[in-house]
């Protein structure tokens, strides 16, 4: 009887040689595999309960109306989808129809750019209390730094008791129709306007695998709620303009909201509370810039935060960002001596805490990098105050020029 050992050895050797040969052929034919595309945020805003916001509208209500909302995006793309939120609603929210288009002038849209948005293939949807709804993707060539008009028809009654989810004091005009569905109308009739966004919290584009997004987590200084309306003077907008001019395709998502603190849920949810939703869950997030803490110092109720408390909060954000492979940069807190926005909010004790926190941000090495907003905007002859040309007049919030200077203070080399 002949031995089969040699045959098995020769067959195994042949199989290995064949596999190696095929591998070489495949790699030779495909020297570089195509990059995988993924969804990246190009615009975002954090949801809040509008009726409960300090400068919100406690009587806001809708009934059988169309909302057309304008958003100024950062990066462009050829596929787009939107995020709608009923995070604080007490009832299901009925969306009768929704459209997206390039914005023309005012509430008008660019002819030929209108696209119907669907949700799981359906033109209408219901967003349940506490839930987020992401639309299906549509083909639309959206330009970097362009304006989009997102329209949706609220087919039912949304009373003031509903607790509308939105973003008050957006510094961007939202157009609200008389009764009826005008989502597909290029020239929508206008019943009223508001400087707030409602239910809309994000816009995403399809982008190459190497493209990511920067989340700017902050308070009213990042939200820029005292800047000139409809002019996109927020400092994250200036950062997006600089990145685009440098041919850097990186999304910039503004997650600033008025009154926000690091630690306490007083005016909306704290930075620590909303970090997972507003930072970690953003599509394509690769970097986060944190500029939070001035309201922890200004507002001493219900608990006066210490510098150590605030630093512990920063450390938690750093830990959670690094666990997801996200680089996190710390922004130094701006001076606010003798602010008039809230008389009595400034105290020498609060100033001492601000200086201690800024010293820790600059020297601890805990953040991946430091963005020295304070140095860019302070008065060199009086460092506890904003330089007058960067001061909107309340000694707390920057002017339009101040916001531009903040955006210019960010080193683009941080985003590789």
Protein backbone atom coordinates (compact mmCIF):
# COMPACT_ATOMS: atom_id res chain seq x y z
CA UNK A 1 0.00 0.00 0.00
CA UNK A 2 1.38 3.39 -1.07
CA UNK A 3 1.84 6.09 1.56
CA UNK A 4 -0.35 9.19 1.13
CA UNK A 5 1.78 11.38 3.37
CA UNK A 6 3.83 12.77 0.51
CA UNK A 7 0.66 13.43 -1.51
CA UNK A 8 -0.97 15.32 1.35
CA UNK A 9 2.21 17.37 1.84
CA UNK A 10 2.40 18.23 -1.84
CA UNK A 11 -1.32 19.16 -1.94
CA UNK A 12 -0.97 21.39 1.16
CA UNK A 13 2.11 23.07 -0.32
CA UNK A 14 0.27 23.63 -3.59
CA UNK A 15 -2.68 25.18 -1.71
CA UNK A 16 -0.40 27.59 0.17
CA UNK A 17 1.41 28.62 -3.02
CA UNK A 18 -1.91 29.12 -4.81
CA UNK A 19 -3.29 31.26 -1.96
CA UNK A 20 -0.16 33.41 -1.89
CA UNK A 21 -0.29 33.79 -5.67
CA UNK A 22 -3.97 34.85 -5.60
CA UNK A 23 -3.25 37.29 -2.77
CA UNK A 24 -0.44 38.84 -4.83
CA UNK A 25 -2.68 39.09 -7.90
CA UNK A 26 -5.51 40.75 -5.95
CA UNK A 27 -3.19 43.28 -4.33
CA UNK A 28 -1.41 43.95 -7.61
CA UNK A 29 -4.75 44.60 -9.31
CA UNK A 30 -5.98 46.84 -6.43
CA UNK A 31 -3.02 48.86 -5.12
CA UNK A 32 -5.26 51.08 -3.01
CA UNK A 33 -8.69 50.10 -1.73
CA UNK A 34 -11.26 52.90 -2.06
CA UNK A 35 -11.85 54.96 1.06
CA UNK A 36 -15.06 54.23 2.95
CA UNK A 37 -17.53 57.08 3.19
CA UNK A 38 -19.34 57.82 6.42
CA UNK A 39 -21.74 60.37 7.89
CA UNK A 40 -20.22 63.52 9.36
CA UNK A 41 -22.03 66.40 11.02
CA UNK A 42 -21.91 69.68 9.12
CA UNK A 43 -24.24 71.66 11.43
CA UNK A 44 -25.69 71.06 14.88
CA UNK A 45 -27.31 72.77 17.84
CA UNK A 46 -28.08 71.37 21.31
CA UNK A 47 -31.75 70.74 22.16
CA UNK A 48 -33.33 72.49 25.13
CA UNK A 49 -36.86 72.86 26.47
CA UNK A 50 -37.78 76.22 24.89
CA UNK A 51 -40.43 77.14 27.44
CA UNK A 52 -38.01 76.61 30.31
CA UNK A 53 -35.03 78.43 28.80
CA UNK A 54 -34.06 81.74 30.47
CA UNK A 55 -34.64 83.67 27.26
CA UNK A 56 -37.06 81.21 25.70
CA UNK A 57 -40.75 81.48 24.91
CA UNK A 58 -43.02 79.95 27.56
CA UNK A 59 -46.06 80.32 25.28
CA UNK A 60 -44.60 78.87 22.09
CA UNK A 61 -47.15 76.69 20.26
CA UNK A 62 -47.86 75.51 16.72
CA UNK A 63 -50.97 74.21 14.97
CA UNK A 64 -51.10 72.92 11.40
CA UNK A 65 -48.13 75.10 10.36
CA UNK A 66 -44.95 74.83 8.33
CA UNK A 67 -41.60 75.78 9.83
CA UNK A 68 -38.77 76.77 7.49
CA UNK A 69 -35.46 76.92 9.30
CA UNK A 70 -32.17 78.19 7.93
CA UNK A 71 -28.85 76.58 8.88
CA UNK A 72 -25.36 77.68 7.87
CA UNK A 73 -23.34 74.51 7.31
CA UNK A 74 -19.59 73.96 7.57
CA UNK A 75 -18.58 71.22 5.09
CA UNK A 76 -20.32 70.27 1.87
CA UNK A 77 -21.33 66.96 0.33
CA UNK A 78 -23.59 65.30 -2.20
CA UNK A 79 -25.69 63.24 0.21
CA UNK A 80 -27.46 64.84 3.15
CA UNK A 81 -29.82 63.93 5.97
CA UNK A 82 -31.24 65.75 9.01
CA UNK A 83 -31.86 65.08 12.70
CA UNK A 84 -35.11 66.08 14.41
CA UNK A 85 -35.54 65.88 18.18
CA UNK A 86 -38.48 65.66 20.56
CA UNK A 87 -36.09 65.34 23.52
CA UNK A 88 -38.21 67.35 25.97
CA UNK A 89 -41.67 66.84 24.46
CA UNK A 90 -44.45 65.48 26.60
CA UNK A 91 -46.44 64.19 23.61
CA UNK A 92 -45.70 62.48 20.29
CA UNK A 93 -44.75 64.99 17.57
CA UNK A 94 -46.41 64.45 14.18
CA UNK A 95 -44.34 65.48 11.14
CA UNK A 96 -46.69 65.56 8.15
CA UNK A 97 -43.98 66.20 5.57
CA UNK A 98 -40.42 67.50 5.39
CA UNK A 99 -38.17 69.00 2.71
CA UNK A 100 -34.62 70.29 2.37
CA UNK A 101 -33.31 72.75 -0.21
CA UNK A 102 -30.60 75.28 -0.87
CA UNK A 103 -31.62 78.61 0.61
CA UNK A 104 -32.16 81.54 -1.74
CA UNK A 105 -33.00 84.94 -0.22
CA UNK A 106 -35.02 85.22 2.98
CA UNK A 107 -37.40 82.28 3.22
CA UNK A 108 -37.12 81.43 -0.50
CA UNK A 109 -35.35 78.33 -1.79
CA UNK A 110 -33.23 77.90 -4.91
CA UNK A 111 -35.33 76.52 -7.80
CA UNK A 112 -34.56 72.91 -8.60
CA UNK A 113 -32.85 72.22 -5.28
CA UNK A 114 -35.89 71.08 -3.29
CA UNK A 115 -35.80 67.48 -2.05
CA UNK A 116 -38.43 65.53 -0.15
CA UNK A 117 -37.21 64.04 3.10
CA UNK A 118 -38.47 60.62 4.12
CA UNK A 119 -38.24 58.58 7.28
CA UNK A 120 -37.89 54.86 6.70
CA UNK A 121 -39.31 55.47 3.24
CA UNK A 122 -42.39 57.31 4.52
CA UNK A 123 -43.08 61.00 3.88
CA UNK A 124 -44.55 61.47 7.36
CA UNK A 125 -43.43 60.30 10.76
CA UNK A 126 -44.06 60.52 14.48
CA UNK A 127 -41.29 61.44 16.92
CA UNK A 128 -42.04 60.02 20.34
CA UNK A 129 -41.30 61.92 23.57
CA UNK A 130 -37.60 61.89 24.34
CA UNK A 131 -36.66 60.49 20.94
CA UNK A 132 -34.47 61.53 18.02
CA UNK A 133 -35.47 60.91 14.40
CA UNK A 134 -32.89 60.77 11.57
CA UNK A 135 -34.21 61.20 8.04
CA UNK A 136 -33.34 59.02 5.08
CA UNK A 137 -30.49 60.30 2.91
CA UNK A 138 -31.22 62.41 -0.18
CA UNK A 139 -28.97 63.42 -3.04
CA UNK A 140 -28.31 67.16 -2.93
CA UNK A 141 -25.04 68.87 -3.78
CA UNK A 142 -24.60 71.18 -0.79
CA UNK A 143 -21.67 73.63 -0.83
CA UNK A 144 -19.30 74.22 2.06
CA UNK A 145 -20.37 77.26 4.12
CA UNK A 146 -23.73 77.26 2.34
CA UNK A 147 -27.19 77.95 3.74
CA UNK A 148 -29.81 75.21 3.75
CA UNK A 149 -33.54 75.57 4.27
CA UNK A 150 -35.09 72.71 6.23
CA UNK A 151 -38.89 72.78 6.15
CA UNK A 152 -41.33 70.54 7.94
CA UNK A 153 -45.08 70.56 8.40
CA UNK A 154 -46.48 70.10 11.90
CA UNK A 155 -49.74 68.43 10.94
CA UNK A 156 -51.30 68.51 14.39
CA UNK A 157 -51.68 70.73 17.42
CA UNK A 158 -48.52 71.45 19.37
CA UNK A 159 -49.78 73.42 22.40
CA UNK A 160 -47.67 75.37 24.86
CA UNK A 161 -48.03 72.51 27.34
CA UNK A 162 -46.24 70.24 24.87
CA UNK A 163 -42.78 71.46 26.00
CA UNK A 164 -41.35 72.28 22.60
CA UNK A 165 -37.79 71.09 21.97
CA UNK A 166 -35.63 73.64 20.24
CA UNK A 167 -32.86 76.16 20.57
CA UNK A 168 -33.93 79.67 21.61
CA UNK A 169 -31.93 82.76 20.69
CA UNK A 170 -30.36 81.08 17.69
CA UNK A 171 -29.54 84.46 16.06
CA UNK A 172 -31.01 82.98 12.88
CA UNK A 173 -34.48 83.75 11.53
CA UNK A 174 -36.96 80.90 11.41
CA UNK A 175 -40.00 81.40 9.16
CA UNK A 176 -43.39 80.14 10.34
CA UNK A 177 -46.29 79.87 7.92
CA UNK A 178 -50.02 80.43 8.33
CA UNK A 179 -52.01 77.18 8.51
CA UNK A 180 -51.06 74.67 5.84
CA UNK A 181 -48.33 72.50 4.34
CA UNK A 182 -45.89 74.70 2.39
CA UNK A 183 -42.82 72.49 2.69
CA UNK A 184 -42.45 72.18 -1.10
CA UNK A 185 -43.13 75.87 -1.83
CA UNK A 186 -40.15 77.85 -3.12
CA UNK A 187 -41.76 81.03 -1.78
CA UNK A 188 -43.45 80.03 1.45
CA UNK A 189 -46.04 82.42 2.90
CA UNK A 190 -44.86 83.82 6.21
CA UNK A 191 -47.14 84.25 9.20
CA UNK A 192 -44.46 85.14 11.72
CA UNK A 193 -40.75 84.81 12.37
CA UNK A 194 -38.67 83.80 15.39
CA UNK A 195 -34.97 83.92 16.24
CA UNK A 196 -35.01 80.32 17.42
CA UNK A 197 -34.72 76.84 15.95
CA UNK A 198 -37.38 74.24 16.73
CA UNK A 199 -36.99 70.44 16.75
CA UNK A 200 -34.08 70.57 14.25
CA UNK A 201 -30.78 69.59 15.92
CA UNK A 202 -28.44 68.37 13.18
CA UNK A 203 -27.54 68.11 9.51
CA UNK A 204 -25.13 65.44 8.23
CA UNK A 205 -23.33 64.88 4.94
CA UNK A 206 -21.67 61.82 3.51
CA UNK A 207 -17.91 62.34 3.50
CA UNK A 208 -14.71 60.32 2.94
CA UNK A 209 -13.45 58.14 5.77
CA UNK A 210 -10.68 60.56 6.78
CA UNK A 211 -13.08 63.49 7.29
CA UNK A 212 -14.15 64.22 10.87
CA UNK A 213 -15.91 66.90 12.88
CA UNK A 214 -15.06 69.34 15.66
CA UNK A 215 -17.65 69.80 18.42
CA UNK A 216 -17.52 73.14 20.25
CA UNK A 217 -19.06 72.60 23.68
CA UNK A 218 -19.91 75.84 25.43
CA UNK A 219 -22.35 78.39 26.80
CA UNK A 220 -23.73 81.66 25.40
CA UNK A 221 -20.24 82.79 24.37
CA UNK A 222 -20.05 79.83 21.97
CA UNK A 223 -23.75 80.12 21.11
CA UNK A 224 -23.07 83.84 20.40
CA UNK A 225 -26.56 84.81 21.51
CA UNK A 226 -25.76 88.54 21.52
CA UNK A 227 -24.21 88.61 18.03
CA UNK A 228 -25.82 90.25 14.98
CA UNK A 229 -28.74 88.09 13.75
CA UNK A 230 -28.48 86.22 10.43
CA UNK A 231 -24.80 87.10 9.96
CA UNK A 232 -23.16 83.90 11.32
CA UNK A 233 -20.73 85.76 13.56
CA UNK A 234 -20.33 82.92 16.07
CA UNK A 235 -16.72 81.96 16.69
CA UNK A 236 -17.29 78.37 15.46
CA UNK A 237 -18.54 79.89 12.18
CA UNK A 238 -15.28 81.82 11.88
CA UNK A 239 -13.34 78.61 12.58
CA UNK A 240 -15.30 76.84 9.83
CA UNK A 241 -14.52 79.68 7.39
CA UNK A 242 -10.80 79.45 8.16
CA UNK A 243 -10.76 75.67 7.74
CA UNK A 244 -12.56 75.95 4.40
CA UNK A 245 -10.17 78.69 3.19
CA UNK A 246 -7.28 76.36 4.09
CA UNK A 247 -8.96 73.55 2.09
CA UNK A 248 -9.44 71.51 5.25
CA UNK A 249 -12.60 69.40 5.11
CA UNK A 250 -13.60 69.26 8.79
CA UNK A 251 -17.13 69.72 10.09
CA UNK A 252 -17.73 72.27 12.85
CA UNK A 253 -20.67 71.61 15.18
CA UNK A 254 -21.77 74.37 17.56
CA UNK A 255 -23.02 72.80 20.80
CA UNK A 256 -23.13 76.03 22.79
CA UNK A 257 -26.22 76.97 24.76
CA UNK A 258 -27.02 79.99 26.91
CA UNK A 259 -26.46 79.72 30.65
CA UNK A 260 -24.68 76.39 30.45
CA UNK A 261 -22.46 75.27 33.33
CA UNK A 262 -19.98 72.45 33.73
CA UNK A 263 -21.57 71.02 36.86
CA UNK A 264 -25.17 71.93 37.61
CA UNK A 265 -28.49 71.51 35.79
CA UNK A 266 -29.87 74.97 36.47
CA UNK A 267 -30.29 76.66 33.10
CA UNK A 268 -30.75 73.54 31.01
CA UNK A 269 -28.60 70.45 31.33
CA UNK A 270 -25.00 70.85 32.49
CA UNK A 271 -22.02 70.13 30.27
CA UNK A 272 -21.39 66.89 32.13
CA UNK A 273 -25.06 65.92 31.78
CA UNK A 274 -25.24 66.47 28.03
CA UNK A 275 -21.69 65.41 27.09
CA UNK A 276 -22.66 61.98 25.75
CA UNK A 277 -25.57 63.29 23.66
CA UNK A 278 -24.10 66.56 22.39
CA UNK A 279 -20.48 65.45 21.93
CA UNK A 280 -19.92 61.70 21.85
CA UNK A 281 -22.99 60.88 19.73
CA UNK A 282 -22.27 63.44 17.02
CA UNK A 283 -21.59 61.76 13.66
CA UNK A 284 -17.92 61.75 12.76
CA UNK A 285 -16.72 63.56 15.89
CA UNK A 286 -12.93 63.57 16.12
CA UNK A 287 -12.23 66.67 18.24
CA UNK A 288 -13.98 68.67 20.96
CA UNK A 289 -13.21 72.19 22.17
CA UNK A 290 -14.53 72.89 25.68
CA UNK A 291 -15.25 76.49 26.66
CA UNK A 292 -17.36 76.12 29.78
CA UNK A 293 -17.15 77.41 33.34
CA UNK A 294 -17.90 81.12 33.40
CA UNK A 295 -21.49 80.45 34.49
CA UNK A 296 -20.29 78.15 37.28
CA UNK A 297 -18.40 81.21 38.58
CA UNK A 298 -21.06 83.86 37.92
CA UNK A 299 -24.02 81.97 39.37
CA UNK A 300 -23.65 80.85 42.93
CA UNK A 301 -27.03 79.13 43.32
CA UNK A 302 -27.90 76.54 44.35
CA UNK A 303 -24.27 75.61 45.08
CA UNK A 304 -21.22 77.81 44.69
CA UNK A 305 -18.74 75.81 42.61
CA UNK A 306 -15.10 75.75 43.61
CA UNK A 307 -12.19 75.74 41.17
CA UNK A 308 -11.51 72.16 42.28
CA UNK A 309 -15.10 71.17 41.43
CA UNK A 310 -14.77 72.65 37.96
CA UNK A 311 -11.42 70.98 37.33
CA UNK A 312 -12.90 67.63 38.38
CA UNK A 313 -15.64 68.23 35.79
CA UNK A 314 -13.08 68.92 33.07
CA UNK A 315 -11.25 65.72 33.99
CA UNK A 316 -14.43 63.71 33.51
CA UNK A 317 -14.93 65.18 30.03
CA UNK A 318 -11.31 64.43 29.15
CA UNK A 319 -11.66 60.85 30.38
CA UNK A 320 -14.85 60.24 28.40
CA UNK A 321 -13.48 61.83 25.22
CA UNK A 322 -10.24 59.85 25.34
CA UNK A 323 -12.16 56.61 25.90
CA UNK A 324 -13.69 57.21 22.47
CA UNK A 325 -10.43 58.20 20.78
CA UNK A 326 -11.46 61.86 20.59
CA UNK A 327 -8.94 64.66 21.12
CA UNK A 328 -10.16 67.30 23.55
CA UNK A 329 -8.90 70.88 23.79
CA UNK A 330 -9.45 73.29 26.68
CA UNK A 331 -10.44 76.92 26.11
CA UNK A 332 -9.43 79.46 28.75
CA UNK A 333 -12.25 81.44 30.37
CA UNK A 334 -12.76 85.05 29.30
CA UNK A 335 -12.58 87.90 31.85
CA UNK A 336 -15.88 89.35 33.05
CA UNK A 337 -15.06 92.11 35.53
CA UNK A 338 -18.01 94.39 36.30
CA UNK A 339 -20.33 92.68 33.86
CA UNK A 340 -23.75 94.31 33.45
CA UNK A 341 -25.55 91.30 31.92
CA UNK A 342 -26.35 90.12 35.46
CA UNK A 343 -25.48 92.88 37.94
CA UNK A 344 -23.66 91.51 40.97
CA UNK A 345 -22.54 88.31 39.23
CA UNK A 346 -18.91 89.38 39.23
CA UNK A 347 -17.05 89.05 42.53
CA UNK A 348 -13.36 89.07 43.47
CA UNK A 349 -13.83 85.51 44.71
CA UNK A 350 -15.17 84.43 41.33
CA UNK A 351 -12.27 86.15 39.59
CA UNK A 352 -9.77 84.29 41.79
CA UNK A 353 -11.43 80.99 40.81
CA UNK A 354 -11.35 81.94 37.13
CA UNK A 355 -7.63 82.64 37.30
CA UNK A 356 -7.01 79.35 39.13
CA UNK A 357 -8.99 77.39 36.54
CA UNK A 358 -7.21 79.08 33.65
CA UNK A 359 -3.85 78.36 35.24
CA UNK A 360 -4.78 74.68 35.50
CA UNK A 361 -6.00 74.56 31.88
CA UNK A 362 -2.74 76.13 30.67
CA UNK A 363 -0.26 74.17 32.77
CA UNK A 364 -1.70 70.80 33.80
CA UNK A 365 -1.29 69.08 30.46
CA UNK A 366 -4.62 67.33 31.01
CA UNK A 367 -6.16 68.60 27.78
CA UNK A 368 -4.60 67.56 24.49
CA UNK A 369 -4.00 71.24 23.75
CA UNK A 370 -4.98 74.68 25.04
CA UNK A 371 -6.79 77.40 23.09
CA UNK A 372 -6.09 80.66 24.89
CA UNK A 373 -9.25 82.65 24.24
CA UNK A 374 -8.58 84.83 27.28
CA UNK A 375 -5.19 85.95 25.99
CA UNK A 376 -6.73 86.81 22.61
CA UNK A 377 -9.52 89.02 24.04
CA UNK A 378 -8.35 90.43 27.37
CA UNK A 379 -7.24 94.03 27.83
CA UNK A 380 -3.43 93.85 28.23
CA UNK A 381 -3.49 96.88 30.52
CA UNK A 382 -6.33 95.44 32.62
CA UNK A 383 -6.34 91.62 32.22
CA UNK A 384 -9.51 91.09 34.29
CA UNK A 385 -11.54 92.86 31.58
CA UNK A 386 -12.25 92.37 27.90
CA UNK A 387 -10.50 94.74 25.51
CA UNK A 388 -13.21 97.33 24.70
CA UNK A 389 -13.26 96.63 20.96
CA UNK A 390 -13.93 92.95 21.70
CA UNK A 391 -16.68 93.73 24.26
CA UNK A 392 -20.32 93.80 23.13
CA UNK A 393 -20.95 96.32 25.92
CA UNK A 394 -22.06 94.08 28.78
CA UNK A 395 -18.45 93.19 29.79
CA UNK A 396 -19.28 89.49 29.51
CA UNK A 397 -20.07 88.62 25.90
CA UNK A 398 -17.76 89.43 22.99
CA UNK A 399 -18.71 91.72 20.13
CA UNK A 400 -18.89 90.44 16.55
CA UNK A 401 -15.22 91.37 16.20
CA UNK A 402 -14.51 89.55 19.45
CA UNK A 403 -16.13 86.37 18.13
CA UNK A 404 -14.09 86.63 14.94
CA UNK A 405 -10.94 87.02 17.00
CA UNK A 406 -11.84 83.93 19.02
CA UNK A 407 -12.21 81.90 15.84
CA UNK A 408 -8.89 83.25 14.63
CA UNK A 409 -7.21 82.21 17.91
CA UNK A 410 -7.68 78.48 17.17
CA UNK A 411 -4.54 76.88 15.71
CA UNK A 412 -5.60 74.91 12.63
CA UNK A 413 -2.58 72.63 13.10
CA UNK A 414 -4.50 70.97 15.96
CA UNK A 415 -6.76 69.26 13.44
CA UNK A 416 -4.63 66.79 11.50
